[in-house]
């Protein structure tokens, strides 16, 4: 055996895993959008606010496509200028497109 591997092999750094009842169900739970009382529901662990909880957006479906370099640059510039996520720019564009279709 390689020198030093014996220490790593026998070391249980994580302890005993939790039982199924104690384990989190977050992998099966849907992501929810923040609400007005969201700050009440923020998880506090070790006196720190869980930043992932603050970033939940309710978006659970992955959407991927290929675009031109010009489209990518323009989209990112708008998002940065407006302080939005890329998906928010696309959502706003879709709303405006739907409005335009209804007027026609």
PDB file of N, CA and C in Angstrom:
ATOM      1  N   UNK A   1       0.846  -1.178   0.000  1.00  0.00           N
ATOM      2  CA  UNK A   1       0.000   0.000   0.000  1.00  0.00           C
ATOM      3  C   UNK A   1       0.890   1.240   0.000  1.00  0.00           C
ATOM      4  N   UNK A   2       0.463   2.273  -0.688  1.00  0.00           N
ATOM      5  CA  UNK A   2       1.219   3.516  -0.778  1.00  0.00           C
ATOM      6  C   UNK A   2       1.259   4.176   0.589  1.00  0.00           C
ATOM      7  N   UNK A   3       2.427   4.690   0.912  1.00  0.00           N
ATOM      8  CA  UNK A   3       2.621   5.328   2.206  1.00  0.00           C
ATOM      9  C   UNK A   3       1.668   6.512   2.355  1.00  0.00           C
ATOM     10  N   UNK A   4       0.982   6.606   3.462  1.00  0.00           N
ATOM     11  CA  UNK A   4       0.065   7.709   3.717  1.00  0.00           C
ATOM     12  C   UNK A   4      -1.390   7.378   3.426  1.00  0.00           C
ATOM     13  N   UNK A   5      -1.629   6.398   2.530  1.00  0.00           N
ATOM     14  CA  UNK A   5      -3.003   6.027   2.202  1.00  0.00           C
ATOM     15  C   UNK A   5      -3.690   5.308   3.357  1.00  0.00           C
ATOM     16  N   UNK A   6      -2.923   4.642   4.176  1.00  0.00           N
ATOM     17  CA  UNK A   6      -3.500   3.918   5.308  1.00  0.00           C
ATOM     18  C   UNK A   6      -4.238   4.878   6.243  1.00  0.00           C
ATOM     19  N   UNK A   7      -3.659   6.054   6.467  1.00  0.00           N
ATOM     20  CA  UNK A   7      -4.300   7.052   7.345  1.00  0.00           C
ATOM     21  C   UNK A   7      -5.620   7.524   6.746  1.00  0.00           C
ATOM     22  N   UNK A   8      -5.621   7.796   5.446  1.00  0.00           N
ATOM     23  CA  UNK A   8      -6.827   8.284   4.794  1.00  0.00           C
ATOM     24  C   UNK A   8      -7.907   7.213   4.730  1.00  0.00           C
ATOM     25  N   UNK A   9      -7.505   5.989   4.502  1.00  0.00           N
ATOM     26  CA  UNK A   9      -8.454   4.896   4.342  1.00  0.00           C
ATOM     27  C   UNK A   9      -9.234   4.643   5.624  1.00  0.00           C
ATOM     28  N   UNK A  10      -8.598   4.739   6.751  1.00  0.00           N
ATOM     29  CA  UNK A  10      -9.228   4.423   8.022  1.00  0.00           C
ATOM     30  C   UNK A  10      -9.888   5.628   8.685  1.00  0.00           C
ATOM     31  N   UNK A  11      -9.706   6.798   8.155  1.00  0.00           N
ATOM     32  CA  UNK A  11     -10.229   8.003   8.790  1.00  0.00           C
ATOM     33  C   UNK A  11     -11.656   8.281   8.315  1.00  0.00           C
ATOM     34  N   UNK A  12     -12.587   8.331   9.231  1.00  0.00           N
ATOM     35  CA  UNK A  12     -13.976   8.647   8.925  1.00  0.00           C
ATOM     36  C   UNK A  12     -14.211  10.097   9.321  1.00  0.00           C
ATOM     37  N   UNK A  13     -14.020  11.011   8.373  1.00  0.00           N
ATOM     38  CA  UNK A  13     -14.105  12.439   8.668  1.00  0.00           C
ATOM     39  C   UNK A  13     -15.529  12.931   8.822  1.00  0.00           C
ATOM     40  N   UNK A  14     -16.491  12.234   8.277  1.00  0.00           N
ATOM     41  CA  UNK A  14     -17.850  12.731   8.239  1.00  0.00           C
ATOM     42  C   UNK A  14     -18.747  12.138   9.320  1.00  0.00           C
ATOM     43  N   UNK A  15     -18.286  11.165  10.045  1.00  0.00           N
ATOM     44  CA  UNK A  15     -19.102  10.561  11.082  1.00  0.00           C
ATOM     45  C   UNK A  15     -20.144   9.622  10.498  1.00  0.00           C
ATOM     46  N   UNK A  16     -21.104   9.261  11.317  1.00  0.00           N
ATOM     47  CA  UNK A  16     -22.161   8.335  10.917  1.00  0.00           C
ATOM     48  C   UNK A  16     -23.208   9.105  10.115  1.00  0.00           C
ATOM     49  N   UNK A  17     -23.635   8.582   8.967  1.00  0.00           N
ATOM     50  CA  UNK A  17     -24.642   9.295   8.168  1.00  0.00           C
ATOM     51  C   UNK A  17     -25.984   9.317   8.894  1.00  0.00           C
ATOM     52  N   UNK A  18     -26.826  10.339   8.623  1.00  0.00           N
ATOM     53  CA  UNK A  18     -28.128  10.410   9.286  1.00  0.00           C
ATOM     54  C   UNK A  18     -29.053   9.306   8.781  1.00  0.00           C
ATOM     55  N   UNK A  19     -30.054   8.988   9.596  1.00  0.00           N
ATOM     56  CA  UNK A  19     -31.034   7.991   9.173  1.00  0.00           C
ATOM     57  C   UNK A  19     -31.899   8.615   8.082  1.00  0.00           C
ATOM     58  N   UNK A  20     -32.709   7.794   7.400  1.00  0.00           N
ATOM     59  CA  UNK A  20     -33.579   8.315   6.341  1.00  0.00           C
ATOM     60  C   UNK A  20     -34.552   9.345   6.886  1.00  0.00           C
ATOM     61  N   UNK A  21     -35.013   9.145   8.117  1.00  0.00           N
ATOM     62  CA  UNK A  21     -35.957  10.087   8.722  1.00  0.00           C
ATOM     63  C   UNK A  21     -35.314  11.444   8.995  1.00  0.00           C
ATOM     64  N   UNK A  22     -34.031  11.461   9.294  1.00  0.00           N
ATOM     65  CA  UNK A  22     -33.319  12.695   9.616  1.00  0.00           C
ATOM     66  C   UNK A  22     -32.776  13.394   8.369  1.00  0.00           C
ATOM     67  N   UNK A  23     -32.648  12.668   7.267  1.00  0.00           N
ATOM     68  CA  UNK A  23     -32.057  13.222   6.053  1.00  0.00           C
ATOM     69  C   UNK A  23     -32.983  14.255   5.423  1.00  0.00           C
ATOM     70  N   UNK A  24     -32.397  15.232   4.771  1.00  0.00           N
ATOM     71  CA  UNK A  24     -33.151  16.295   4.102  1.00  0.00           C
ATOM     72  C   UNK A  24     -33.873  15.763   2.868  1.00  0.00           C
ATOM     73  N   UNK A  25     -35.023  16.357   2.575  1.00  0.00           N
ATOM     74  CA  UNK A  25     -35.785  15.983   1.378  1.00  0.00           C
ATOM     75  C   UNK A  25     -35.647  17.046   0.298  1.00  0.00           C
ATOM     76  N   UNK A  26     -34.643  17.889   0.396  1.00  0.00           N
ATOM     77  CA  UNK A  26     -34.508  19.024  -0.528  1.00  0.00           C
ATOM     78  C   UNK A  26     -34.300  18.615  -1.981  1.00  0.00           C
ATOM     79  N   UNK A  27     -33.852  17.420  -2.253  1.00  0.00           N
ATOM     80  CA  UNK A  27     -33.642  17.015  -3.639  1.00  0.00           C
ATOM     81  C   UNK A  27     -34.952  16.716  -4.358  1.00  0.00           C
ATOM     82  N   UNK A  28     -35.986  16.374  -3.611  1.00  0.00           N
ATOM     83  CA  UNK A  28     -37.272  16.072  -4.219  1.00  0.00           C
ATOM     84  C   UNK A  28     -38.252  17.230  -4.112  1.00  0.00           C
ATOM     85  N   UNK A  29     -37.942  18.217  -3.281  1.00  0.00           N
ATOM     86  CA  UNK A  29     -38.848  19.354  -3.084  1.00  0.00           C
ATOM     87  C   UNK A  29     -38.679  20.364  -4.211  1.00  0.00           C
ATOM     88  N   UNK A  30     -39.788  20.978  -4.681  1.00  0.00           N
ATOM     89  CA  UNK A  30     -39.669  21.999  -5.728  1.00  0.00           C
ATOM     90  C   UNK A  30     -39.092  23.291  -5.162  1.00  0.00           C
ATOM     91  N   UNK A  31     -38.450  24.040  -6.013  1.00  0.00           N
ATOM     92  CA  UNK A  31     -37.912  25.336  -5.612  1.00  0.00           C
ATOM     93  C   UNK A  31     -39.072  26.334  -5.608  1.00  0.00           C
ATOM     94  N   UNK A  32     -39.093  27.200  -4.600  1.00  0.00           N
ATOM     95  CA  UNK A  32     -40.189  28.166  -4.516  1.00  0.00           C
ATOM     96  C   UNK A  32     -39.654  29.580  -4.607  1.00  0.00           C
ATOM     97  N   UNK A  33     -40.477  30.472  -5.125  1.00  0.00           N
ATOM     98  CA  UNK A  33     -40.087  31.871  -5.242  1.00  0.00           C
ATOM     99  C   UNK A  33     -40.188  32.539  -3.880  1.00  0.00           C
ATOM    100  N   UNK A  34     -39.316  33.519  -3.606  1.00  0.00           N
ATOM    101  CA  UNK A  34     -39.378  34.241  -2.336  1.00  0.00           C
ATOM    102  C   UNK A  34     -40.704  34.987  -2.208  1.00  0.00           C
ATOM    103  N   UNK A  35     -41.205  35.073  -0.988  1.00  0.00           N
ATOM    104  CA  UNK A  35     -42.434  35.801  -0.713  1.00  0.00           C
ATOM    105  C   UNK A  35     -42.126  36.991   0.184  1.00  0.00           C
ATOM    106  N   UNK A  36     -43.140  37.786   0.465  1.00  0.00           N
ATOM    107  CA  UNK A  36     -42.950  38.960   1.313  1.00  0.00           C
ATOM    108  C   UNK A  36     -42.461  38.557   2.703  1.00  0.00           C
ATOM    109  N   UNK A  37     -42.929  37.424   3.203  1.00  0.00           N
ATOM    110  CA  UNK A  37     -42.493  36.970   4.527  1.00  0.00           C
ATOM    111  C   UNK A  37     -41.332  35.976   4.437  1.00  0.00           C
ATOM    112  N   UNK A  38     -40.615  36.023   3.322  1.00  0.00           N
ATOM    113  CA  UNK A  38     -39.516  35.088   3.075  1.00  0.00           C
ATOM    114  C   UNK A  38     -38.451  35.179   4.163  1.00  0.00           C
ATOM    115  N   UNK A  39     -38.198  36.387   4.663  1.00  0.00           N
ATOM    116  CA  UNK A  39     -37.150  36.548   5.665  1.00  0.00           C
ATOM    117  C   UNK A  39     -37.445  35.743   6.927  1.00  0.00           C
ATOM    118  N   UNK A  40     -38.713  35.446   7.173  1.00  0.00           N
ATOM    119  CA  UNK A  40     -39.081  34.644   8.336  1.00  0.00           C
ATOM    120  C   UNK A  40     -38.663  33.200   8.132  1.00  0.00           C
ATOM    121  N   UNK A  41     -38.726  32.730   6.884  1.00  0.00           N
ATOM    122  CA  UNK A  41     -38.440  31.331   6.573  1.00  0.00           C
ATOM    123  C   UNK A  41     -36.975  31.046   6.284  1.00  0.00           C
ATOM    124  N   UNK A  42     -36.104  32.049   6.335  1.00  0.00           N
ATOM    125  CA  UNK A  42     -34.693  31.856   6.027  1.00  0.00           C
ATOM    126  C   UNK A  42     -34.059  30.940   7.068  1.00  0.00           C
ATOM    127  N   UNK A  43     -33.357  29.947   6.576  1.00  0.00           N
ATOM    128  CA  UNK A  43     -32.700  29.014   7.469  1.00  0.00           C
ATOM    129  C   UNK A  43     -31.495  29.683   8.117  1.00  0.00           C
ATOM    130  N   UNK A  44     -31.362  29.474   9.398  1.00  0.00           N
ATOM    131  CA  UNK A  44     -30.194  30.010  10.099  1.00  0.00           C
ATOM    132  C   UNK A  44     -29.396  28.824  10.630  1.00  0.00           C
ATOM    133  N   UNK A  45     -28.151  28.745  10.185  1.00  0.00           N
ATOM    134  CA  UNK A  45     -27.268  27.666  10.619  1.00  0.00           C
ATOM    135  C   UNK A  45     -25.969  28.284  11.109  1.00  0.00           C
ATOM    136  N   UNK A  46     -25.590  27.956  12.294  1.00  0.00           N
ATOM    137  CA  UNK A  46     -24.364  28.500  12.884  1.00  0.00           C
ATOM    138  C   UNK A  46     -24.379  30.030  12.856  1.00  0.00           C
ATOM    139  N   UNK A  47     -25.524  30.610  13.132  1.00  0.00           N
ATOM    140  CA  UNK A  47     -25.707  32.067  13.165  1.00  0.00           C
ATOM    141  C   UNK A  47     -25.421  32.738  11.827  1.00  0.00           C
ATOM    142  N   UNK A  48     -25.546  32.007  10.731  1.00  0.00           N
ATOM    143  CA  UNK A  48     -25.353  32.574   9.393  1.00  0.00           C
ATOM    144  C   UNK A  48     -26.600  32.318   8.569  1.00  0.00           C
ATOM    145  N   UNK A  49     -26.977  33.257   7.728  1.00  0.00           N
ATOM    146  CA  UNK A  49     -28.125  33.084   6.849  1.00  0.00           C
ATOM    147  C   UNK A  49     -27.694  32.241   5.661  1.00  0.00           C
ATOM    148  N   UNK A  50     -28.497  31.249   5.311  1.00  0.00           N
ATOM    149  CA  UNK A  50     -28.220  30.379   4.175  1.00  0.00           C
ATOM    150  C   UNK A  50     -28.468  31.172   2.890  1.00  0.00           C
ATOM    151  N   UNK A  51     -27.418  31.557   2.193  1.00  0.00           N
ATOM    152  CA  UNK A  51     -27.529  32.404   0.996  1.00  0.00           C
ATOM    153  C   UNK A  51     -28.293  31.721  -0.123  1.00  0.00           C
ATOM    154  N   UNK A  52     -28.224  30.402  -0.203  1.00  0.00           N
ATOM    155  CA  UNK A  52     -28.964  29.701  -1.256  1.00  0.00           C
ATOM    156  C   UNK A  52     -30.462  29.898  -1.099  1.00  0.00           C
ATOM    157  N   UNK A  53     -30.921  29.941   0.137  1.00  0.00           N
ATOM    158  CA  UNK A  53     -32.339  30.157   0.395  1.00  0.00           C
ATOM    159  C   UNK A  53     -32.773  31.524  -0.126  1.00  0.00           C
ATOM    160  N   UNK A  54     -31.919  32.513   0.006  1.00  0.00           N
ATOM    161  CA  UNK A  54     -32.237  33.862  -0.452  1.00  0.00           C
ATOM    162  C   UNK A  54     -32.280  33.966  -1.966  1.00  0.00           C
ATOM    163  N   UNK A  55     -31.604  33.059  -2.669  1.00  0.00           N
ATOM    164  CA  UNK A  55     -31.521  33.130  -4.133  1.00  0.00           C
ATOM    165  C   UNK A  55     -32.563  32.280  -4.850  1.00  0.00           C
ATOM    166  N   UNK A  56     -33.461  31.622  -4.132  1.00  0.00           N
ATOM    167  CA  UNK A  56     -34.457  30.768  -4.782  1.00  0.00           C
ATOM    168  C   UNK A  56     -35.343  31.601  -5.692  1.00  0.00           C
ATOM    169  N   UNK A  57     -35.613  31.091  -6.875  1.00  0.00           N
ATOM    170  CA  UNK A  57     -36.373  31.860  -7.867  1.00  0.00           C
ATOM    171  C   UNK A  57     -37.630  31.161  -8.349  1.00  0.00           C
ATOM    172  N   UNK A  58     -37.817  29.912  -8.018  1.00  0.00           N
ATOM    173  CA  UNK A  58     -38.975  29.168  -8.500  1.00  0.00           C
ATOM    174  C   UNK A  58     -38.761  28.544  -9.866  1.00  0.00           C
ATOM    175  N   UNK A  59     -37.600  28.724 -10.434  1.00  0.00           N
ATOM    176  CA  UNK A  59     -37.307  28.151 -11.753  1.00  0.00           C
ATOM    177  C   UNK A  59     -36.700  26.766 -11.549  1.00  0.00           C
ATOM    178  N   UNK A  60     -37.373  25.749 -12.067  1.00  0.00           N
ATOM    179  CA  UNK A  60     -36.890  24.391 -11.850  1.00  0.00           C
ATOM    180  C   UNK A  60     -36.598  23.631 -13.137  1.00  0.00           C
ATOM    181  N   UNK A  61     -36.983  24.179 -14.285  1.00  0.00           N
ATOM    182  CA  UNK A  61     -36.751  23.510 -15.564  1.00  0.00           C
ATOM    183  C   UNK A  61     -35.530  24.116 -16.239  1.00  0.00           C
ATOM    184  N   UNK A  62     -34.591  23.256 -16.648  1.00  0.00           N
ATOM    185  CA  UNK A  62     -33.419  23.754 -17.345  1.00  0.00           C
ATOM    186  C   UNK A  62     -33.774  24.027 -18.796  1.00  0.00           C
ATOM    187  N   UNK A  63     -33.274  25.154 -19.324  1.00  0.00           N
ATOM    188  CA  UNK A  63     -33.537  25.568 -20.696  1.00  0.00           C
ATOM    189  C   UNK A  63     -32.195  25.913 -21.325  1.00  0.00           C
ATOM    190  N   UNK A  64     -31.827  25.201 -22.367  1.00  0.00           N
ATOM    191  CA  UNK A  64     -30.540  25.452 -23.013  1.00  0.00           C
ATOM    192  C   UNK A  64     -30.739  25.516 -24.519  1.00  0.00           C
ATOM    193  N   UNK A  65     -30.032  26.423 -25.149  1.00  0.00           N
ATOM    194  CA  UNK A  65     -30.105  26.558 -26.597  1.00  0.00           C
ATOM    195  C   UNK A  65     -28.806  27.169 -27.099  1.00  0.00           C
ATOM    196  N   UNK A  66     -28.583  27.096 -28.370  1.00  0.00           N
ATOM    197  CA  UNK A  66     -27.402  27.716 -28.970  1.00  0.00           C
ATOM    198  C   UNK A  66     -27.822  29.023 -29.623  1.00  0.00           C
ATOM    199  N   UNK A  67     -27.013  30.041 -29.404  1.00  0.00           N
ATOM    200  CA  UNK A  67     -27.294  31.366 -29.967  1.00  0.00           C
ATOM    201  C   UNK A  67     -26.031  31.902 -30.628  1.00  0.00           C
ATOM    202  N   UNK A  68     -26.215  32.959 -31.418  1.00  0.00           N
ATOM    203  CA  UNK A  68     -25.037  33.585 -32.040  1.00  0.00           C
ATOM    204  C   UNK A  68     -24.257  34.351 -30.975  1.00  0.00           C
ATOM    205  N   UNK A  69     -23.004  34.596 -31.269  1.00  0.00           N
ATOM    206  CA  UNK A  69     -22.158  35.345 -30.342  1.00  0.00           C
ATOM    207  C   UNK A  69     -22.722  36.744 -30.121  1.00  0.00           C
ATOM    208  N   UNK A  70     -23.222  37.370 -31.179  1.00  0.00           N
ATOM    209  CA  UNK A  70     -23.799  38.705 -31.080  1.00  0.00           C
ATOM    210  C   UNK A  70     -25.008  38.716 -30.140  1.00  0.00           C
ATOM    211  N   UNK A  71     -25.890  37.724 -30.278  1.00  0.00           N
ATOM    212  CA  UNK A  71     -27.064  37.627 -29.408  1.00  0.00           C
ATOM    213  C   UNK A  71     -26.634  37.497 -27.953  1.00  0.00           C
ATOM    214  N   UNK A  72     -25.663  36.631 -27.688  1.00  0.00           N
ATOM    215  CA  UNK A  72     -25.161  36.407 -26.334  1.00  0.00           C
ATOM    216  C   UNK A  72     -24.617  37.700 -25.727  1.00  0.00           C
ATOM    217  N   UNK A  73     -23.823  38.420 -26.497  1.00  0.00           N
ATOM    218  CA  UNK A  73     -23.219  39.673 -26.015  1.00  0.00           C
ATOM    219  C   UNK A  73     -24.312  40.687 -25.697  1.00  0.00           C
ATOM    220  N   UNK A  74     -25.262  40.854 -26.633  1.00  0.00           N
ATOM    221  CA  UNK A  74     -26.338  41.833 -26.434  1.00  0.00           C
ATOM    222  C   UNK A  74     -27.201  41.484 -25.232  1.00  0.00           C
ATOM    223  N   UNK A  75     -27.533  40.204 -25.082  1.00  0.00           N
ATOM    224  CA  UNK A  75     -28.352  39.760 -23.960  1.00  0.00           C
ATOM    225  C   UNK A  75     -27.642  40.022 -22.632  1.00  0.00           C
ATOM    226  N   UNK A  76     -26.377  39.686 -22.573  1.00  0.00           N
ATOM    227  CA  UNK A  76     -25.605  39.890 -21.336  1.00  0.00           C
ATOM    228  C   UNK A  76     -25.431  41.374 -21.020  1.00  0.00           C
ATOM    229  N   UNK A  77     -25.263  42.205 -22.042  1.00  0.00           N
ATOM    230  CA  UNK A  77     -25.148  43.645 -21.805  1.00  0.00           C
ATOM    231  C   UNK A  77     -26.431  44.207 -21.201  1.00  0.00           C
ATOM    232  N   UNK A  78     -27.563  43.790 -21.730  1.00  0.00           N
ATOM    233  CA  UNK A  78     -28.848  44.255 -21.199  1.00  0.00           C
ATOM    234  C   UNK A  78     -29.020  43.789 -19.754  1.00  0.00           C
ATOM    235  N   UNK A  79     -28.725  42.530 -19.506  1.00  0.00           N
ATOM    236  CA  UNK A  79     -28.870  41.973 -18.153  1.00  0.00           C
ATOM    237  C   UNK A  79     -27.992  42.728 -17.159  1.00  0.00           C
ATOM    238  N   UNK A  80     -26.755  42.995 -17.556  1.00  0.00           N
ATOM    239  CA  UNK A  80     -25.844  43.706 -16.662  1.00  0.00           C
ATOM    240  C   UNK A  80     -26.321  45.132 -16.430  1.00  0.00           C
ATOM    241  N   UNK A  81     -26.716  45.815 -17.494  1.00  0.00           N
ATOM    242  CA  UNK A  81     -27.170  47.206 -17.391  1.00  0.00           C
ATOM    243  C   UNK A  81     -28.399  47.324 -16.490  1.00  0.00           C
ATOM    244  N   UNK A  82     -29.330  46.372 -16.611  1.00  0.00           N
ATOM    245  CA  UNK A  82     -30.582  46.416 -15.854  1.00  0.00           C
ATOM    246  C   UNK A  82     -30.480  45.725 -14.496  1.00  0.00           C
ATOM    247  N   UNK A  83     -29.366  45.039 -14.236  1.00  0.00           N
ATOM    248  CA  UNK A  83     -29.201  44.320 -12.975  1.00  0.00           C
ATOM    249  C   UNK A  83     -30.109  43.105 -12.876  1.00  0.00           C
ATOM    250  N   UNK A  84     -30.302  42.420 -14.003  1.00  0.00           N
ATOM    251  CA  UNK A  84     -31.196  41.268 -14.073  1.00  0.00           C
ATOM    252  C   UNK A  84     -30.422  39.995 -14.374  1.00  0.00           C
ATOM    253  N   UNK A  85     -31.061  38.877 -14.113  1.00  0.00           N
ATOM    254  CA  UNK A  85     -30.527  37.597 -14.558  1.00  0.00           C
ATOM    255  C   UNK A  85     -30.819  37.462 -16.048  1.00  0.00           C
ATOM    256  N   UNK A  86     -30.052  36.641 -16.745  1.00  0.00           N
ATOM    257  CA  UNK A  86     -30.298  36.408 -18.168  1.00  0.00           C
ATOM    258  C   UNK A  86     -31.727  35.913 -18.390  1.00  0.00           C
ATOM    259  N   UNK A  87     -32.169  35.011 -17.530  1.00  0.00           N
ATOM    260  CA  UNK A  87     -33.513  34.463 -17.681  1.00  0.00           C
ATOM    261  C   UNK A  87     -34.575  35.547 -17.494  1.00  0.00           C
ATOM    262  N   UNK A  88     -34.326  36.525 -16.661  1.00  0.00           N
ATOM    263  CA  UNK A  88     -35.292  37.599 -16.472  1.00  0.00           C
ATOM    264  C   UNK A  88     -35.413  38.454 -17.733  1.00  0.00           C
ATOM    265  N   UNK A  89     -34.310  38.682 -18.415  1.00  0.00           N
ATOM    266  CA  UNK A  89     -34.349  39.433 -19.676  1.00  0.00           C
ATOM    267  C   UNK A  89     -35.164  38.651 -20.700  1.00  0.00           C
ATOM    268  N   UNK A  90     -34.933  37.338 -20.782  1.00  0.00           N
ATOM    269  CA  UNK A  90     -35.688  36.505 -21.723  1.00  0.00           C
ATOM    270  C   UNK A  90     -37.174  36.464 -21.365  1.00  0.00           C
ATOM    271  N   UNK A  91     -37.487  36.375 -20.081  1.00  0.00           N
ATOM    272  CA  UNK A  91     -38.890  36.373 -19.649  1.00  0.00           C
ATOM    273  C   UNK A  91     -39.579  37.696 -20.017  1.00  0.00           C
ATOM    274  N   UNK A  92     -38.875  38.802 -19.805  1.00  0.00           N
ATOM    275  CA  UNK A  92     -39.432  40.113 -20.167  1.00  0.00           C
ATOM    276  C   UNK A  92     -39.646  40.219 -21.677  1.00  0.00           C
ATOM    277  N   UNK A  93     -38.698  39.720 -22.448  1.00  0.00           N
ATOM    278  CA  UNK A  93     -38.817  39.752 -23.902  1.00  0.00           C
ATOM    279  C   UNK A  93     -40.016  38.918 -24.366  1.00  0.00           C
ATOM    280  N   UNK A  94     -40.226  37.763 -23.743  1.00  0.00           N
ATOM    281  CA  UNK A  94     -41.362  36.915 -24.099  1.00  0.00           C
ATOM    282  C   UNK A  94     -42.684  37.615 -23.778  1.00  0.00           C
ATOM    283  N   UNK A  95     -42.762  38.277 -22.637  1.00  0.00           N
ATOM    284  CA  UNK A  95     -43.979  39.024 -22.275  1.00  0.00           C
ATOM    285  C   UNK A  95     -44.285  40.088 -23.316  1.00  0.00           C
ATOM    286  N   UNK A  96     -43.262  40.841 -23.718  1.00  0.00           N
ATOM    287  CA  UNK A  96     -43.460  41.902 -24.705  1.00  0.00           C
ATOM    288  C   UNK A  96     -43.862  41.323 -26.064  1.00  0.00           C
ATOM    289  N   UNK A  97     -43.285  40.198 -26.428  1.00  0.00           N
ATOM    290  CA  UNK A  97     -43.630  39.544 -27.697  1.00  0.00           C
ATOM    291  C   UNK A  97     -45.094  39.091 -27.672  1.00  0.00           C
ATOM    292  N   UNK A  98     -45.505  38.525 -26.552  1.00  0.00           N
ATOM    293  CA  UNK A  98     -46.902  38.081 -26.417  1.00  0.00           C
ATOM    294  C   UNK A  98     -47.860  39.271 -26.486  1.00  0.00           C
ATOM    295  N   UNK A  99     -47.485  40.394 -25.870  1.00  0.00           N
ATOM    296  CA  UNK A  99     -48.312  41.612 -25.963  1.00  0.00           C
ATOM    297  C   UNK A  99     -48.454  42.061 -27.415  1.00  0.00           C
ATOM    298  N   UNK A 100     -47.337  42.018 -28.142  1.00  0.00           N
ATOM    299  CA  UNK A 100     -47.339  42.424 -29.534  1.00  0.00           C
ATOM    300  C   UNK A 100     -48.262  41.515 -30.363  1.00  0.00           C
ATOM    301  N   UNK A 101     -48.229  40.214 -30.083  1.00  0.00           N
ATOM    302  CA  UNK A 101     -49.078  39.272 -30.809  1.00  0.00           C
ATOM    303  C   UNK A 101     -50.568  39.517 -30.517  1.00  0.00           C
ATOM    304  N   UNK A 102     -50.880  39.895 -29.313  1.00  0.00           N
ATOM    305  CA  UNK A 102     -52.279  40.148 -28.948  1.00  0.00           C
ATOM    306  C   UNK A 102     -52.819  41.400 -29.626  1.00  0.00           C
ATOM    307  N   UNK A 103     -51.944  42.380 -29.859  1.00  0.00           N
ATOM    308  CA  UNK A 103     -52.362  43.614 -30.522  1.00  0.00           C
ATOM    309  C   UNK A 103     -52.613  43.390 -32.009  1.00  0.00           C
ATOM    310  N   UNK A 104     -51.978  42.380 -32.574  1.00  0.00           N
ATOM    311  CA  UNK A 104     -52.109  42.118 -34.010  1.00  0.00           C
ATOM    312  C   UNK A 104     -53.435  41.532 -34.370  1.00  0.00           C
TER     313      UNK A 104
END
